[in-house]
Every structure is written in structure tokens, then in C-alpha cells.
Amino acid sequence: MKVETLKLQDFTEAKIKNEPNSKTSFSEILKESINKVAELEKDADNEIKKLATMETQDLHTTMIAIEKADLTFQMMMQIRNKIISAYEEIMRMQV
């Protein structure tokens, strides 16, 4: 069994470093990140279906897909929490 490293190259930090002059809005970056999380969840669902229907017997690949989806979802939730916290802090500021 070949072990591969997991990379989160599709998330915003890597894109910003590679394209310093690009004018990508915050909402576009957020939408891309949410779409990536949804894509990973679909991949995990497909792996679960394959395992349940006995198309494959590779439990490791299924578990890796599930963990990838779970970790990216948890990261997205933490980012959301930070955004909400920053918004609440801005709203508390007195002008």
C-alpha cells in the first residue's frame, strides 16, 4: 500500500502566494473553499457507497476520504467562527 502525503493546495493561502497580483474577492475565495469542502464530502460518500456495495474492499481509502472530508469541514467551521467573531467585534466598535 502506497502512503501519500495530504496537501491542502486548493485552499486560499496557496492561491494567494502563487498569484500575488490577482484581484480575487473575499467572497469568491470563500465560495471556492466551500465548494472544495462539498466536493470532498461527495468523494467520501462515493467511497462509502463503493465499500457498502462491495465494489471495493479497500477500507483504508474509504477511511482516508472520510477523514479528509471531516478535517476540511472542521477547518471551514473554524474559519466561519473566526469570521463571525471578527464581525461581532467590528459591530461592537464605537464610531
C-alpha atoms as a PDB file:
ATOM      1  CA  MET A   1       0.000   0.000   0.000  1.00  0.00           C
ATOM      2  CA  LYS A   2       1.383   3.375  -1.015  1.00  0.00           C
ATOM      3  CA  VAL A   3       1.144   6.182   1.518  1.00  0.00           C
ATOM      4  CA  GLU A   4       0.710   9.654   0.069  1.00  0.00           C
ATOM      5  CA  THR A   5       1.010  12.994   1.796  1.00  0.00           C
ATOM      6  CA  LEU A   6      -2.111  15.072   2.188  1.00  0.00           C
ATOM      7  CA  LYS A   7      -1.922  18.587   0.821  1.00  0.00           C
ATOM      8  CA  LEU A   8      -4.466  21.352   1.100  1.00  0.00           C
ATOM      9  CA  GLN A   9      -3.206  23.081  -2.012  1.00  0.00           C
ATOM     10  CA  ASP A  10      -6.653  24.139  -3.146  1.00  0.00           C
ATOM     11  CA  PHE A  11      -7.220  26.457  -0.228  1.00  0.00           C
ATOM     12  CA  THR A  12      -6.713  30.174  -0.308  1.00  0.00           C
ATOM     13  CA  GLU A  13      -3.254  30.557   1.195  1.00  0.00           C
ATOM     14  CA  ALA A  14      -1.595  28.602  -1.589  1.00  0.00           C
ATOM     15  CA  LYS A  15      -3.547  30.502  -4.258  1.00  0.00           C
ATOM     16  CA  ILE A  16      -2.645  33.898  -2.832  1.00  0.00           C
ATOM     17  CA  LYS A  17       1.065  33.021  -2.725  1.00  0.00           C
ATOM     18  CA  ASN A  18       1.040  31.809  -6.316  1.00  0.00           C
ATOM     19  CA  GLU A  19      -0.877  34.793  -7.689  1.00  0.00           C
ATOM     20  CA  PRO A  20       0.167  37.960  -5.837  1.00  0.00           C
ATOM     21  CA  ASN A  21      -1.346  40.372  -8.386  1.00  0.00           C
ATOM     22  CA  SER A  22      -4.691  38.631  -8.766  1.00  0.00           C
ATOM     23  CA  LYS A  23      -7.804  40.517  -7.712  1.00  0.00           C
ATOM     24  CA  THR A  24      -9.857  37.791  -6.115  1.00  0.00           C
ATOM     25  CA  SER A  25     -12.574  38.979  -3.789  1.00  0.00           C
ATOM     26  CA  PHE A  26     -13.104  37.540  -0.343  1.00  0.00           C
ATOM     27  CA  SER A  27     -16.500  36.148  -1.319  1.00  0.00           C
ATOM     28  CA  GLU A  28     -15.000  34.291  -4.299  1.00  0.00           C
ATOM     29  CA  ILE A  29     -12.340  32.735  -2.101  1.00  0.00           C
ATOM     30  CA  LEU A  30     -14.974  31.731   0.428  1.00  0.00           C
ATOM     31  CA  LYS A  31     -17.198  30.199  -2.267  1.00  0.00           C
ATOM     32  CA  GLU A  32     -14.268  28.220  -3.714  1.00  0.00           C
ATOM     33  CA  SER A  33     -13.372  26.891  -0.279  1.00  0.00           C
ATOM     34  CA  ILE A  34     -16.966  25.842   0.442  1.00  0.00           C
ATOM     35  CA  ASN A  35     -17.175  24.141  -2.955  1.00  0.00           C
ATOM     36  CA  LYS A  36     -13.951  22.245  -2.220  1.00  0.00           C
ATOM     37  CA  VAL A  37     -15.381  21.022   1.098  1.00  0.00           C
ATOM     38  CA  ALA A  38     -18.569  19.898  -0.660  1.00  0.00           C
ATOM     39  CA  GLU A  39     -16.510  18.091  -3.303  1.00  0.00           C
ATOM     40  CA  LEU A  40     -14.509  16.226  -0.661  1.00  0.00           C
ATOM     41  CA  GLU A  41     -17.728  15.225   1.102  1.00  0.00           C
ATOM     42  CA  LYS A  42     -19.126  13.854  -2.176  1.00  0.00           C
ATOM     43  CA  ASP A  43     -15.913  11.883  -2.712  1.00  0.00           C
ATOM     44  CA  ALA A  44     -16.225  10.424   0.778  1.00  0.00           C
ATOM     45  CA  ASP A  45     -19.867   9.492   0.118  1.00  0.00           C
ATOM     46  CA  ASN A  46     -18.876   7.764  -3.108  1.00  0.00           C
ATOM     47  CA  GLU A  47     -16.170   5.784  -1.319  1.00  0.00           C
ATOM     48  CA  ILE A  48     -18.669   4.731   1.352  1.00  0.00           C
ATOM     49  CA  LYS A  49     -21.139   3.598  -1.340  1.00  0.00           C
ATOM     50  CA  LYS A  50     -18.408   1.609  -3.091  1.00  0.00           C
ATOM     51  CA  LEU A  51     -17.494  -0.104   0.163  1.00  0.00           C
ATOM     52  CA  ALA A  52     -21.132  -0.796   1.051  1.00  0.00           C
ATOM     53  CA  THR A  53     -21.905  -2.313  -2.355  1.00  0.00           C
ATOM     54  CA  MET A  54     -18.676  -4.332  -2.296  1.00  0.00           C
ATOM     55  CA  GLU A  55     -17.305  -2.611  -5.423  1.00  0.00           C
ATOM     56  CA  THR A  56     -14.120  -2.237  -3.432  1.00  0.00           C
ATOM     57  CA  GLN A  57     -12.764  -3.810  -0.287  1.00  0.00           C
ATOM     58  CA  ASP A  58     -10.177  -1.118   0.376  1.00  0.00           C
ATOM     59  CA  LEU A  59     -11.203   0.174   3.787  1.00  0.00           C
ATOM     60  CA  HIS A  60      -8.122   2.396   4.038  1.00  0.00           C
ATOM     61  CA  THR A  61      -9.044   4.522   1.025  1.00  0.00           C
ATOM     62  CA  THR A  62     -12.566   4.918   2.344  1.00  0.00           C
ATOM     63  CA  MET A  63     -11.371   5.986   5.785  1.00  0.00           C
ATOM     64  CA  ILE A  64      -8.862   8.426   4.312  1.00  0.00           C
ATOM     65  CA  ALA A  65     -11.583  10.030   2.175  1.00  0.00           C
ATOM     66  CA  ILE A  66     -13.858  10.310   5.214  1.00  0.00           C
ATOM     67  CA  GLU A  67     -11.124  11.855   7.368  1.00  0.00           C
ATOM     68  CA  LYS A  68     -10.158  14.304   4.611  1.00  0.00           C
ATOM     69  CA  ALA A  69     -13.758  15.465   4.345  1.00  0.00           C
ATOM     70  CA  ASP A  70     -14.077  15.686   8.128  1.00  0.00           C
ATOM     71  CA  LEU A  71     -10.886  17.696   8.597  1.00  0.00           C
ATOM     72  CA  THR A  72     -11.707  20.157   5.836  1.00  0.00           C
ATOM     73  CA  PHE A  73     -15.219  20.599   7.241  1.00  0.00           C
ATOM     74  CA  GLN A  74     -13.818  21.246  10.727  1.00  0.00           C
ATOM     75  CA  MET A  75     -11.357  23.763   9.296  1.00  0.00           C
ATOM     76  CA  MET A  76     -14.168  25.505   7.399  1.00  0.00           C
ATOM     77  CA  MET A  77     -16.201  25.725  10.609  1.00  0.00           C
ATOM     78  CA  GLN A  78     -13.255  27.258  12.483  1.00  0.00           C
ATOM     79  CA  ILE A  79     -12.792  29.819   9.721  1.00  0.00           C
ATOM     80  CA  ARG A  80     -16.511  30.616   9.879  1.00  0.00           C
ATOM     81  CA  ASN A  81     -16.270  31.064  13.654  1.00  0.00           C
ATOM     82  CA  LYS A  82     -13.335  33.469  13.242  1.00  0.00           C
ATOM     83  CA  ILE A  83     -15.216  35.475  10.607  1.00  0.00           C
ATOM     84  CA  ILE A  84     -18.286  35.756  12.844  1.00  0.00           C
ATOM     85  CA  SER A  85     -16.112  36.735  15.789  1.00  0.00           C
ATOM     86  CA  ALA A  86     -14.399  39.450  13.735  1.00  0.00           C
ATOM     87  CA  TYR A  87     -17.784  40.739  12.516  1.00  0.00           C
ATOM     88  CA  GLU A  88     -19.128  40.883  16.079  1.00  0.00           C
ATOM     89  CA  GLU A  89     -16.001  42.728  17.211  1.00  0.00           C
ATOM     90  CA  ILE A  90     -16.419  45.297  14.426  1.00  0.00           C
ATOM     91  CA  MET A  91     -20.079  45.781  15.332  1.00  0.00           C
ATOM     92  CA  ARG A  92     -19.131  46.484  18.971  1.00  0.00           C
ATOM     93  CA  MET A  93     -16.744  49.267  17.961  1.00  0.00           C
ATOM     94  CA  GLN A  94     -17.887  52.772  18.751  1.00  0.00           C
ATOM     95  CA  VAL A  95     -17.555  55.299  15.990  1.00  0.00           C
END
